[in-house]
Amino acid sequence: MPVKAQKNAADTVFNDALFLYRSGNYAQAAELFNFVRINFPRHKLTPYAALYEGKSTLSGKEYLQSRNIFKGVLAEYKTGFVADEAKMALAFNYIRIMKPDSAAHILINLINTTFDYSYIDSAKKYLRSVLLNQMNTDQISRLSDFFSKSKAAAVLRLTFAESLRLMSLVDSSNSVLTSVIKDFPGTRESIIASEIKQKPFNYENVAGTQYLLVLLPLFENKDTLENGVAYNVLQGIEYAVESFNATSERKFALLVKDTQRDRLTIEKIYEEIKDVKGIVGIIGPLFSEECKDVTEVFRGMNLPVVSPTATSPGLTEGNNFFIQANTSFEIGARGMAQYLRNIEKKEKIAVLNSSEGYSSILADEFMKEFTRLGGSITARVTYSIKETDLHPAIEKLVKFRTEFEGIYAPISDPKAINPIIMAIEDEELETPVYGNQDWSYGASLETNTVLLEKIVLATDFFVEYQDEDYIRKSHEFAELTGNYFDRNAIYGYDAAMMFLRKFAKAGYDQKNFLLSAADRSEEKGLHKSFVFGPNRINRSLNIIRYNDGMFNLITKFNVE
């Protein structure tokens, strides 16, 4: 075919295809654009034919095919109108199939490479939208850090500040907004940052109609924020709420506040949110002393308060709205006494404890409960954690070796594990050893397998890491946060999910929820069950034994 005829033919087919595309006949349009692209590779309209073939398949919801076409276009055209349009369309493709991270990377690339300001403005607009609607604060933070030297740095940091504001982390948001104003002066992002910072924060703008107030010491040490216990707990809470909302008609949002482990800050938070409507409960704090402050300061709001990790006694006394999701020290000790007396049928036990920390408290509680149940404490030996050689202490127990069926040895410092194990093995004291959760923190355990076969622990935390439900959740959590679903995240997840499930079963009524938090009904969690007695302290324990290089669950035990 003569060159002129080829040109006319290509023009005609392209125009026909364009008419079909604009008329909504995407499949036919894609075929004609493909015809131009394949049969007229050197025609001036061929790049546009390839671009519109991709757009036609995208509009026709042929997402995989359209992505492959756009990637082919971008492999051949690095800059210019066709490349810019292809990147924008490819980003839309990823947004529609819910792959926001891929969409964000394409839009950031477009901002960095285009010379057309209209594309920069459009890419920034859609980037903010996809980040705020399809990604969480952690993901946005990682993108902002990774592209901190790129042309998209300002809009990424601004969006990170906005995401913090949506979580009601106003102080943290303002700090990031200040850095936008300082580091990107004269930009549109700095102007927006100034406007946001000057505008009073309105909680009614937070998505959702009912809120969980989260009180955690998030920024006690800003330098180690991402490695902080409280931050990991928060990620677990976020995952729980997102998981619950995905299957529930009733949706919840989070109001997250940094307590800074400071009572004055807690009082300031109370004044800030006391008139906010729709708060149904509080998750947190983590530490017992903060729990006392929160129960006193927030008493007037009559909100259920669930602490994921507090263990001190007496926290629920006089606070009929406070719920201790973690087992207290005393209940843990009583639980081991009940397990040994009622399940293993032990009659005579020796006790070994340190004079420091809560080791002696656990020992006292265990002895009181074991004797109440008819058992006998045939020997008690106390040592100091400052001692590196515990042979003298174990030698005292050896004198009574025929008079006990095991040793209860609660510790408050894992540094005691090695000296205890070495002394018991050297003295050839072949007897079962029963301990508390702190034994599971000892790195030295793996090197002492002989004695460990005889160690049984009462612990509030145990996860079957090979369980399919845990594996599925850990993958979801990693996709959501980019982090490992560790102990602290699980504490946060289980506490929040327990609250939401019980709240739903109580008909979303706070009074009924508080009643259910004292009725001994069981709510299963990943790391333990939740069984609350009249004092609203979790009474469920995991009894575990070390075997074949790992701890295994013997039974889940509810303390009477």
Protein backbone atom coordinates (compact mmCIF):
# COMPACT_ATOMS: atom_id res chain seq x y z
CA MET A 1 0.00 0.00 0.00
CA PRO A 2 1.39 3.43 -0.90
CA VAL A 3 2.61 5.51 2.05
CA LYS A 4 -0.16 8.08 1.63
CA ALA A 5 -2.80 5.38 1.53
CA GLN A 6 -1.32 3.79 4.67
CA LYS A 7 -1.45 7.16 6.42
CA ASN A 8 -5.06 7.71 5.43
CA ALA A 9 -6.01 4.18 6.48
CA ALA A 10 -4.36 4.62 9.88
CA ASP A 11 -6.06 8.00 10.35
CA THR A 12 -9.46 6.53 9.46
CA VAL A 13 -9.17 3.50 11.73
CA PHE A 14 -7.85 5.62 14.60
CA ASN A 15 -10.72 8.12 14.29
CA ASP A 16 -13.26 5.27 14.14
CA ALA A 17 -11.71 3.76 17.25
CA LEU A 18 -11.76 7.11 19.02
CA PHE A 19 -15.47 7.52 18.18
CA LEU A 20 -16.22 4.04 19.61
CA TYR A 21 -14.22 4.84 22.76
CA ARG A 22 -16.09 8.06 23.38
CA SER A 23 -19.37 6.25 22.72
CA GLY A 24 -18.60 3.66 25.39
CA ASN A 25 -17.96 0.75 23.00
CA TYR A 26 -14.70 -0.12 24.70
CA ALA A 27 -14.16 -3.65 23.40
CA GLN A 28 -14.55 -2.63 19.74
CA ALA A 29 -12.48 0.49 20.29
CA ALA A 30 -9.67 -1.59 21.82
CA GLU A 31 -9.63 -3.88 18.78
CA LEU A 32 -9.26 -0.96 16.35
CA PHE A 33 -6.60 0.80 18.44
CA ASN A 34 -4.75 -2.51 18.57
CA PHE A 35 -5.05 -2.78 14.77
CA VAL A 36 -3.40 0.62 14.35
CA ARG A 37 -0.66 -0.22 16.86
CA ILE A 38 0.20 -3.55 15.24
CA ASN A 39 -0.15 -2.67 11.56
CA PHE A 40 1.18 0.89 11.54
CA PRO A 41 4.08 0.81 14.04
CA ARG A 42 5.75 3.96 12.60
CA HIS A 43 2.64 6.08 12.19
CA LYS A 44 2.48 9.29 14.23
CA LEU A 45 -0.80 8.13 15.80
CA THR A 46 0.56 4.75 16.92
CA PRO A 47 1.71 5.93 20.39
CA TYR A 48 -1.77 7.37 20.94
CA ALA A 49 -3.36 4.19 19.64
CA ALA A 50 -1.40 2.18 22.23
CA LEU A 51 -2.38 4.64 24.96
CA TYR A 52 -6.07 4.51 24.07
CA GLU A 53 -6.02 0.75 23.69
CA GLY A 54 -4.96 0.68 27.32
CA LYS A 55 -7.63 3.19 28.30
CA SER A 56 -10.29 1.20 26.43
CA THR A 57 -9.43 -2.04 28.22
CA LEU A 58 -9.27 -0.15 31.53
CA SER A 59 -12.74 1.30 30.96
CA GLY A 60 -13.92 -2.18 30.01
CA LYS A 61 -12.57 -3.48 33.35
CA GLU A 62 -9.94 -5.66 31.68
CA TYR A 63 -7.46 -4.66 34.34
CA LEU A 64 -4.67 -7.13 33.71
CA GLN A 65 -4.69 -6.52 29.95
CA SER A 66 -4.73 -2.74 30.40
CA ARG A 67 -1.82 -2.87 32.86
CA ASN A 68 0.28 -4.86 30.40
CA ILE A 69 -0.48 -2.36 27.64
CA PHE A 70 0.41 0.65 29.80
CA LYS A 71 3.64 -1.01 30.92
CA GLY A 72 4.51 -1.59 27.26
CA VAL A 73 3.84 2.04 26.48
CA LEU A 74 6.04 3.18 29.36
CA ALA A 75 8.83 0.86 28.29
CA GLU A 76 8.97 2.70 24.97
CA TYR A 77 8.03 6.25 25.98
CA LYS A 78 9.79 7.63 29.06
CA THR A 79 8.58 11.24 29.01
CA GLY A 80 6.01 13.43 27.30
CA PHE A 81 2.26 13.45 27.00
CA VAL A 82 1.85 9.74 26.19
CA ALA A 83 4.05 8.68 29.13
CA ASP A 84 2.29 11.06 31.53
CA GLU A 85 -1.15 9.86 30.45
CA ALA A 86 -0.10 6.22 30.65
CA LYS A 87 1.20 6.69 34.21
CA MET A 88 -1.98 8.40 35.30
CA ALA A 89 -4.14 5.69 33.75
CA LEU A 90 -1.96 2.92 35.23
CA ALA A 91 -2.38 4.52 38.67
CA PHE A 92 -6.19 4.50 38.19
CA ASN A 93 -5.91 0.81 37.29
CA TYR A 94 -4.17 0.03 40.58
CA ILE A 95 -6.65 2.16 42.53
CA ARG A 96 -9.58 0.24 41.07
CA ILE A 97 -8.11 -3.16 41.99
CA MET A 98 -7.26 -1.90 45.49
CA LYS A 99 -3.50 -1.84 45.17
CA PRO A 100 -2.87 1.60 46.65
CA ASP A 101 0.85 1.10 47.23
CA SER A 102 1.43 0.43 43.52
CA ALA A 103 -0.80 3.37 42.59
CA ALA A 104 1.12 5.64 44.95
CA HIS A 105 4.49 4.64 43.49
CA ILE A 106 3.26 5.37 39.94
CA LEU A 107 1.88 8.78 40.95
CA ILE A 108 5.09 9.67 42.79
CA ASN A 109 7.06 8.69 39.70
CA LEU A 110 4.83 10.93 37.59
CA ILE A 111 5.41 13.87 39.94
CA ASN A 112 9.17 13.29 39.73
CA THR A 113 9.42 12.94 35.94
CA THR A 114 6.81 15.11 34.24
CA PHE A 115 7.52 18.62 33.02
CA ASP A 116 3.81 19.48 32.80
CA TYR A 117 2.54 21.30 35.90
CA SER A 118 -1.03 20.22 35.23
CA TYR A 119 0.03 16.57 35.62
CA ILE A 120 1.94 17.42 38.78
CA ASP A 121 -1.19 19.00 40.28
CA SER A 122 -3.41 16.10 39.21
CA ALA A 123 -0.96 13.48 40.45
CA LYS A 124 -0.68 15.18 43.84
CA LYS A 125 -4.46 15.38 44.11
CA TYR A 126 -4.96 11.69 43.40
CA LEU A 127 -1.98 10.73 45.53
CA ARG A 128 -3.49 12.42 48.59
CA SER A 129 -6.80 10.75 47.87
CA VAL A 130 -5.45 7.23 47.53
CA LEU A 131 -3.24 7.57 50.60
CA LEU A 132 -6.00 8.88 52.86
CA ASN A 133 -8.71 6.53 51.58
CA GLN A 134 -6.84 3.28 50.98
CA MET A 135 -3.74 3.37 53.19
CA ASN A 136 -3.07 3.74 56.89
CA THR A 137 -0.79 6.08 58.80
CA ASP A 138 2.08 3.59 58.99
CA GLN A 139 2.09 3.02 55.24
CA ILE A 140 1.96 6.74 54.52
CA SER A 141 4.79 7.35 56.98
CA ARG A 142 7.00 4.77 55.27
CA LEU A 143 6.34 6.31 51.85
CA SER A 144 7.09 9.78 53.18
CA ASP A 145 10.39 8.62 54.66
CA PHE A 146 11.40 6.65 51.55
CA PHE A 147 10.71 9.53 49.14
CA SER A 148 11.90 12.31 51.45
CA LYS A 149 14.34 13.58 48.79
CA SER A 150 11.91 13.46 45.87
CA LYS A 151 9.67 16.11 44.33
CA ALA A 152 6.75 14.39 46.04
CA ALA A 153 8.25 14.87 49.53
CA ALA A 154 6.08 17.85 50.46
CA VAL A 155 2.75 16.31 49.49
CA LEU A 156 3.67 13.00 51.15
CA ARG A 157 4.57 14.68 54.42
CA LEU A 158 1.45 16.86 54.29
CA THR A 159 -0.69 13.77 53.74
CA PHE A 160 1.02 12.01 56.64
CA ALA A 161 0.07 14.97 58.85
CA GLU A 162 -3.53 14.74 57.61
CA SER A 163 -3.66 11.01 58.37
CA LEU A 164 -2.46 11.67 61.92
CA ARG A 165 -5.22 14.25 62.28
CA LEU A 166 -7.83 11.73 61.16
CA MET A 167 -6.67 9.57 64.06
CA SER A 168 -7.04 12.56 66.40
CA LEU A 169 -3.27 12.70 66.99
CA VAL A 170 -3.49 16.48 66.84
CA ASP A 171 -0.19 17.29 68.55
CA SER A 172 1.73 14.87 66.35
CA SER A 173 -0.07 16.18 63.26
CA ASN A 174 0.80 19.77 64.16
CA SER A 175 4.44 18.80 64.59
CA VAL A 176 4.54 17.33 61.08
CA LEU A 177 2.64 20.32 59.67
CA THR A 178 5.24 22.63 61.21
CA SER A 179 7.99 20.69 59.43
CA VAL A 180 6.13 21.06 56.10
CA ILE A 181 5.94 24.82 56.60
CA LYS A 182 9.61 25.00 57.57
CA ASP A 183 11.11 22.62 54.99
CA PHE A 184 8.95 23.55 51.96
CA PRO A 185 8.42 27.33 52.20
CA GLY A 186 6.39 28.98 49.47
CA THR A 187 4.88 25.71 48.21
CA ARG A 188 1.20 25.01 47.99
CA GLU A 189 1.69 22.26 50.58
CA SER A 190 3.13 24.75 53.09
CA ILE A 191 0.11 27.02 52.58
CA ILE A 192 -2.30 24.11 53.11
CA ALA A 193 -0.30 23.02 56.18
CA SER A 194 -0.65 26.51 57.69
CA GLU A 195 -4.40 26.53 57.04
CA ILE A 196 -4.89 23.10 58.60
CA LYS A 197 -2.80 23.95 61.64
CA GLN A 198 -4.69 27.21 62.29
CA LYS A 199 -8.10 25.57 61.98
CA PRO A 200 -9.48 24.29 65.33
CA PHE A 201 -9.75 20.51 65.36
CA ASN A 202 -13.35 19.27 65.27
CA TYR A 203 -13.91 15.71 66.38
CA GLU A 204 -17.15 15.58 64.46
CA ASN A 205 -15.03 15.58 61.28
CA VAL A 206 -13.53 12.20 62.24
CA ALA A 207 -14.93 9.39 60.09
CA GLY A 208 -17.61 7.28 61.78
CA THR A 209 -20.22 7.99 64.42
CA GLN A 210 -18.95 5.91 67.33
CA TYR A 211 -15.44 6.02 68.66
CA LEU A 212 -13.01 4.07 70.76
CA LEU A 213 -10.76 6.40 72.71
CA VAL A 214 -7.22 5.01 72.78
CA LEU A 215 -4.98 6.28 75.59
CA LEU A 216 -1.35 5.22 75.21
CA PRO A 217 2.07 6.73 76.01
CA LEU A 218 2.94 6.89 72.32
CA PHE A 219 5.58 9.57 72.20
CA GLU A 220 7.25 9.16 75.56
CA ASN A 221 10.49 8.77 73.61
CA LYS A 222 10.09 10.15 70.10
CA ASP A 223 13.49 8.83 69.01
CA THR A 224 12.36 5.24 69.49
CA LEU A 225 8.71 5.67 68.53
CA GLU A 226 8.59 2.98 65.86
CA ASN A 227 10.18 0.46 68.21
CA GLY A 228 8.04 1.44 71.18
CA VAL A 229 5.75 -0.95 72.99
CA ALA A 230 2.81 1.47 72.93
CA TYR A 231 3.15 2.07 69.20
CA ASN A 232 3.00 -1.68 68.51
CA VAL A 233 -0.04 -2.00 70.77
CA LEU A 234 -1.71 0.81 68.81
CA GLN A 235 -1.10 -1.01 65.53
CA GLY A 236 -2.80 -4.08 66.99
CA ILE A 237 -5.79 -1.97 68.06
CA GLU A 238 -6.03 -0.43 64.58
CA TYR A 239 -5.96 -3.89 63.01
CA ALA A 240 -8.72 -5.10 65.34
CA VAL A 241 -11.01 -2.16 64.53
CA GLU A 242 -10.39 -2.51 60.80
CA SER A 243 -11.12 -6.25 60.97
CA PHE A 244 -14.29 -5.71 63.01
CA ASN A 245 -15.56 -2.95 60.74
CA ALA A 246 -15.06 -5.16 57.68
CA THR A 247 -17.80 -7.57 58.80
CA SER A 248 -20.01 -5.42 61.04
CA GLU A 249 -22.83 -3.09 60.12
CA ARG A 250 -21.83 -0.90 63.06
CA LYS A 251 -18.57 0.92 62.33
CA PHE A 252 -16.10 2.41 64.79
CA ALA A 253 -13.38 5.03 64.48
CA LEU A 254 -10.41 5.61 66.77
CA LEU A 255 -9.59 8.72 68.77
CA VAL A 256 -5.93 8.24 69.67
CA LYS A 257 -4.32 10.32 72.41
CA ASP A 258 -0.78 10.36 73.71
CA THR A 259 -0.82 10.28 77.53
CA GLN A 260 2.96 10.74 77.84
CA ARG A 261 2.63 8.82 81.14
CA ASP A 262 1.75 12.15 82.71
CA ARG A 263 -1.35 12.91 84.80
CA LEU A 264 -1.50 16.56 83.73
CA THR A 265 -1.54 15.43 80.09
CA ILE A 266 -4.35 12.97 80.90
CA GLU A 267 -6.33 15.78 82.53
CA LYS A 268 -5.77 17.94 79.43
CA ILE A 269 -7.05 15.12 77.20
CA TYR A 270 -10.16 14.80 79.36
CA GLU A 271 -10.96 18.50 79.04
CA GLU A 272 -10.42 18.28 75.29
CA ILE A 273 -12.78 15.39 74.60
CA LYS A 274 -15.23 15.29 77.52
CA ASP A 275 -18.07 16.74 75.40
CA VAL A 276 -17.39 14.61 72.33
CA LYS A 277 -20.42 12.52 71.47
CA GLY A 278 -20.24 8.90 70.47
CA ILE A 279 -17.28 7.67 72.54
CA VAL A 280 -18.26 4.18 73.70
CA GLY A 281 -15.16 3.06 75.56
CA ILE A 282 -11.45 3.46 76.28
CA ILE A 283 -8.64 1.09 75.32
CA GLY A 284 -5.59 1.68 77.50
CA PRO A 285 -3.52 2.67 79.30
CA LEU A 286 -0.77 0.05 79.48
CA PHE A 287 0.85 0.75 82.83
CA SER A 288 -0.84 0.33 86.18
CA GLU A 289 0.03 3.78 87.52
CA GLU A 290 -1.52 5.39 84.44
CA CYS A 291 -4.63 3.25 84.84
CA LYS A 292 -5.15 4.77 88.29
CA ASP A 293 -4.88 8.27 86.83
CA VAL A 294 -7.29 7.52 83.98
CA THR A 295 -9.92 5.95 86.21
CA GLU A 296 -9.83 8.99 88.47
CA VAL A 297 -9.75 11.65 85.74
CA PHE A 298 -12.33 10.03 83.41
CA ARG A 299 -14.69 8.87 86.15
CA GLY A 300 -17.29 11.45 85.16
CA MET A 301 -17.70 10.05 81.64
CA ASN A 302 -18.74 6.57 82.89
CA LEU A 303 -16.91 4.88 80.02
CA PRO A 304 -15.71 1.26 80.11
CA VAL A 305 -11.90 1.28 80.37
CA VAL A 306 -10.00 -1.78 79.13
CA SER A 307 -6.29 -2.04 79.89
CA PRO A 308 -4.56 -4.61 77.67
CA THR A 309 -1.53 -5.13 79.93
CA ALA A 310 -1.89 -3.73 83.48
CA THR A 311 -1.18 -6.36 86.15
CA SER A 312 -1.21 -4.58 89.52
CA PRO A 313 -3.78 -5.58 92.14
CA GLY A 314 -6.58 -3.32 93.28
CA LEU A 315 -7.08 -1.46 90.00
CA THR A 316 -10.72 -2.54 89.69
CA GLU A 317 -11.59 -1.87 93.33
CA GLY A 318 -14.02 1.04 93.50
CA ASN A 319 -13.90 1.35 89.69
CA ASN A 320 -16.81 -0.67 88.37
CA PHE A 321 -16.09 0.53 84.83
CA PHE A 322 -12.44 -0.63 84.77
CA ILE A 323 -11.63 -3.97 83.08
CA GLN A 324 -8.26 -5.67 83.46
CA ALA A 325 -7.72 -7.75 80.30
CA ASN A 326 -4.41 -9.07 81.61
CA THR A 327 -4.24 -11.43 84.55
CA SER A 328 -2.96 -9.82 87.74
CA PHE A 329 0.15 -11.14 89.51
CA GLU A 330 -1.91 -12.52 92.39
CA ILE A 331 -4.37 -14.36 90.16
CA GLY A 332 -1.45 -15.88 88.23
CA ALA A 333 0.06 -17.22 91.45
CA ARG A 334 -3.29 -18.50 92.72
CA GLY A 335 -3.88 -20.12 89.34
CA MET A 336 -0.66 -22.10 89.54
CA ALA A 337 -1.55 -23.21 93.07
CA GLN A 338 -4.99 -24.38 91.90
CA TYR A 339 -3.51 -26.15 88.88
CA LEU A 340 -0.93 -28.03 90.95
CA ARG A 341 -3.38 -29.00 93.69
CA ASN A 342 -6.49 -29.74 91.62
CA ILE A 343 -5.08 -30.94 88.29
CA GLU A 344 -1.65 -32.42 89.02
CA LYS A 345 -2.78 -33.46 92.53
CA LYS A 346 0.41 -32.26 94.18
CA GLU A 347 0.38 -32.32 97.99
CA LYS A 348 3.80 -30.96 98.99
CA ILE A 349 5.64 -28.08 97.27
CA ALA A 350 8.82 -26.12 98.04
CA VAL A 351 9.07 -22.40 97.23
CA LEU A 352 12.10 -20.49 95.91
CA ASN A 353 11.84 -16.73 95.43
CA SER A 354 13.92 -13.57 95.39
CA SER A 355 13.56 -10.85 97.98
CA GLU A 356 13.31 -8.18 95.27
CA GLY A 357 10.52 -7.27 92.88
CA TYR A 358 7.21 -9.08 92.75
CA SER A 359 8.76 -12.54 93.15
CA SER A 360 8.04 -12.55 96.88
CA ILE A 361 4.47 -11.31 96.30
CA LEU A 362 3.81 -14.22 93.96
CA ALA A 363 5.36 -16.66 96.43
CA ASP A 364 3.18 -15.40 99.29
CA GLU A 365 0.01 -15.61 97.20
CA PHE A 366 0.87 -19.10 95.95
CA MET A 367 1.58 -20.39 99.46
CA LYS A 368 -1.65 -18.97 100.84
CA GLU A 369 -3.76 -20.54 98.07
CA PHE A 370 -1.95 -23.89 98.03
CA THR A 371 -2.37 -24.36 101.77
CA ARG A 372 -6.00 -23.21 101.59
CA LEU A 373 -6.59 -26.06 99.15
CA GLY A 374 -5.11 -28.56 101.60
CA GLY A 375 -1.53 -28.69 100.30
CA SER A 376 1.67 -28.25 102.33
CA ILE A 377 4.62 -25.90 101.80
CA THR A 378 7.52 -27.99 103.07
CA ALA A 379 10.32 -25.47 102.48
CA ARG A 380 10.80 -21.86 101.46
CA VAL A 381 14.15 -20.36 100.46
CA THR A 382 14.75 -16.70 99.61
CA TYR A 383 17.70 -15.32 97.64
CA SER A 384 18.80 -11.93 96.30
CA ILE A 385 18.83 -11.19 92.58
CA LYS A 386 22.20 -9.55 93.19
CA GLU A 387 23.66 -12.99 93.87
CA THR A 388 25.27 -14.62 90.83
CA ASP A 389 25.77 -17.95 92.60
CA LEU A 390 22.57 -19.57 93.88
CA HIS A 391 24.15 -22.87 94.94
CA PRO A 392 23.78 -21.96 98.64
CA ALA A 393 20.04 -21.35 98.16
CA ILE A 394 19.53 -24.62 96.28
CA GLU A 395 21.59 -26.53 98.84
CA LYS A 396 19.03 -25.50 101.46
CA LEU A 397 16.29 -27.04 99.31
CA VAL A 398 18.31 -30.21 98.76
CA LYS A 399 18.04 -30.95 102.50
CA PHE A 400 14.27 -31.33 102.01
CA ARG A 401 14.42 -33.13 98.64
CA THR A 402 12.36 -36.09 99.88
CA GLU A 403 9.69 -33.83 101.32
CA PHE A 404 8.39 -32.04 98.20
CA GLU A 405 7.04 -32.95 94.75
CA GLY A 406 8.19 -29.84 92.95
CA ILE A 407 9.52 -26.30 93.34
CA TYR A 408 7.48 -23.16 92.74
CA ALA A 409 10.06 -20.57 91.66
CA PRO A 410 8.48 -17.26 90.56
CA ILE A 411 10.97 -14.71 89.24
CA SER A 412 10.75 -10.97 88.63
CA ASP A 413 13.99 -10.74 86.65
CA PRO A 414 14.99 -13.20 83.88
CA LYS A 415 18.61 -12.80 84.97
CA ALA A 416 17.80 -15.25 87.77
CA ILE A 417 17.11 -18.09 85.34
CA ASN A 418 20.67 -19.13 84.60
CA PRO A 419 21.86 -19.18 88.23
CA ILE A 420 18.77 -21.17 89.27
CA ILE A 421 19.15 -23.73 86.48
CA MET A 422 22.90 -24.16 86.99
CA ALA A 423 22.52 -24.68 90.73
CA ILE A 424 19.65 -27.17 90.40
CA GLU A 425 21.53 -29.19 87.78
CA ASP A 426 24.81 -29.13 89.76
CA GLU A 427 23.02 -30.31 92.88
CA GLU A 428 21.27 -33.03 90.82
CA LEU A 429 17.93 -31.96 92.21
CA GLU A 430 15.64 -33.92 89.91
CA THR A 431 12.27 -32.36 90.49
CA PRO A 432 9.70 -30.44 88.44
CA VAL A 433 10.02 -26.65 88.52
CA TYR A 434 6.94 -24.42 88.27
CA GLY A 435 7.24 -20.76 87.37
CA ASN A 436 5.58 -17.60 86.13
CA GLN A 437 5.61 -15.95 82.71
CA ASP A 438 8.96 -14.24 83.21
CA TRP A 439 10.69 -17.58 82.76
CA SER A 440 9.66 -17.54 79.09
CA TYR A 441 11.69 -14.34 78.55
CA GLY A 442 14.99 -16.03 79.34
CA ALA A 443 17.31 -16.40 76.35
CA SER A 444 19.28 -19.00 78.32
CA LEU A 445 16.40 -21.48 78.23
CA GLU A 446 17.43 -23.04 74.93
CA THR A 447 20.80 -24.12 76.36
CA ASN A 448 19.31 -25.97 79.33
CA THR A 449 16.97 -28.49 77.74
CA VAL A 450 17.46 -31.25 80.33
CA LEU A 451 15.95 -29.31 83.19
CA LEU A 452 13.49 -27.51 80.93
CA GLU A 453 11.67 -30.76 80.24
CA LYS A 454 10.52 -30.43 83.86
CA ILE A 455 9.54 -26.74 83.78
CA VAL A 456 5.85 -25.77 83.72
CA LEU A 457 4.77 -22.13 83.55
CA ALA A 458 1.57 -20.22 84.19
CA THR A 459 1.52 -17.43 81.63
CA ASP A 460 -0.97 -14.90 80.34
CA PHE A 461 0.58 -14.98 76.84
CA PHE A 462 0.85 -18.01 74.57
CA VAL A 463 0.33 -18.15 70.81
CA GLU A 464 0.21 -21.21 68.60
CA TYR A 465 2.38 -19.75 65.86
CA GLN A 466 1.59 -22.61 63.48
CA ASP A 467 -2.16 -22.09 63.88
CA GLU A 468 -3.87 -21.19 60.59
CA ASP A 469 -5.81 -18.33 62.15
CA TYR A 470 -2.64 -16.73 63.52
CA ILE A 471 -0.81 -17.21 60.20
CA ARG A 472 -3.66 -15.54 58.31
CA LYS A 473 -3.84 -12.64 60.74
CA SER A 474 -0.07 -12.16 60.78
CA HIS A 475 -0.07 -11.88 56.97
CA GLU A 476 -2.94 -9.37 57.05
CA PHE A 477 -1.21 -7.38 59.78
CA ALA A 478 2.07 -7.30 57.84
CA GLU A 479 0.28 -6.06 54.71
CA LEU A 480 -1.50 -3.39 56.75
CA THR A 481 1.44 -2.12 58.82
CA GLY A 482 4.61 -3.54 57.30
CA ASN A 483 5.48 -4.94 60.74
CA TYR A 484 5.60 -8.32 62.47
CA PHE A 485 2.49 -9.33 64.44
CA ASP A 486 4.38 -9.50 67.72
CA ARG A 487 3.46 -9.84 71.39
CA ASN A 488 2.62 -6.17 71.92
CA ALA A 489 0.53 -5.89 68.76
CA ILE A 490 -1.38 -9.02 69.80
CA TYR A 491 -2.07 -7.53 73.25
CA GLY A 492 -3.62 -4.51 71.53
CA TYR A 493 -5.51 -6.58 68.96
CA ASP A 494 -6.99 -8.99 71.50
CA ALA A 495 -8.06 -6.29 73.97
CA ALA A 496 -9.78 -4.19 71.29
CA MET A 497 -11.41 -7.19 69.59
CA MET A 498 -12.62 -8.54 72.93
CA PHE A 499 -14.21 -5.17 73.69
CA LEU A 500 -15.87 -4.87 70.28
CA ARG A 501 -17.23 -8.44 70.29
CA LYS A 502 -18.58 -8.20 73.82
CA PHE A 503 -19.99 -4.76 73.10
CA ALA A 504 -21.79 -6.15 70.04
CA LYS A 505 -23.18 -9.10 72.04
CA ALA A 506 -24.38 -6.60 74.65
CA GLY A 507 -26.43 -4.83 71.98
CA TYR A 508 -23.92 -1.96 71.86
CA ASP A 509 -25.08 -0.92 75.32
CA GLN A 510 -22.41 0.17 77.80
CA LYS A 511 -24.25 -0.99 80.92
CA ASN A 512 -24.90 -4.43 79.45
CA PHE A 513 -21.27 -4.59 78.36
CA LEU A 514 -20.06 -3.92 81.91
CA LEU A 515 -22.36 -6.65 83.20
CA SER A 516 -20.93 -9.08 80.65
CA ALA A 517 -17.45 -8.16 81.87
CA ALA A 518 -18.24 -9.81 85.20
CA ASP A 519 -20.32 -12.87 84.24
CA ARG A 520 -17.51 -15.41 83.58
CA SER A 521 -18.54 -15.85 79.94
CA GLU A 522 -15.59 -16.69 77.71
CA GLU A 523 -14.31 -14.65 74.79
CA LYS A 524 -11.43 -16.31 72.94
CA GLY A 525 -8.38 -14.35 71.91
CA LEU A 526 -5.18 -15.13 70.07
CA HIS A 527 -2.90 -15.14 73.12
CA LYS A 528 -5.40 -16.28 75.76
CA SER A 529 -9.08 -16.42 76.59
CA PHE A 530 -10.94 -13.65 78.40
CA VAL A 531 -12.95 -14.84 81.38
CA PHE A 532 -13.88 -12.10 83.84
CA GLY A 533 -15.16 -12.64 87.35
CA PRO A 534 -17.09 -10.18 89.52
CA ASN A 535 -13.97 -8.03 89.99
CA ARG A 536 -13.59 -7.67 86.17
CA ILE A 537 -10.04 -9.08 86.12
CA ASN A 538 -9.27 -11.71 83.50
CA ARG A 539 -8.98 -15.09 85.21
CA SER A 540 -7.73 -17.12 82.26
CA LEU A 541 -4.20 -18.54 82.21
CA ASN A 542 -2.16 -20.64 79.82
CA ILE A 543 -0.32 -23.57 81.42
CA ILE A 544 2.66 -24.38 79.20
CA ARG A 545 5.57 -26.82 79.22
CA TYR A 546 8.92 -26.69 77.41
CA ASN A 547 9.38 -29.66 75.08
CA ASP A 548 11.53 -30.36 72.00
CA GLY A 549 12.98 -26.85 71.91
CA MET A 550 9.73 -24.91 72.33
CA PHE A 551 6.91 -24.21 74.75
CA ASN A 552 3.69 -26.14 74.21
CA LEU A 553 0.25 -25.57 75.67
CA ILE A 554 -0.83 -28.04 78.32
CA THR A 555 -4.20 -26.45 79.01
CA LYS A 556 -6.09 -23.18 79.29
CA PHE A 557 -6.93 -22.79 82.95
CA ASN A 558 -9.56 -20.53 84.52
CA VAL A 559 -8.74 -19.46 88.07
CA GLU A 560 -11.53 -19.83 90.60
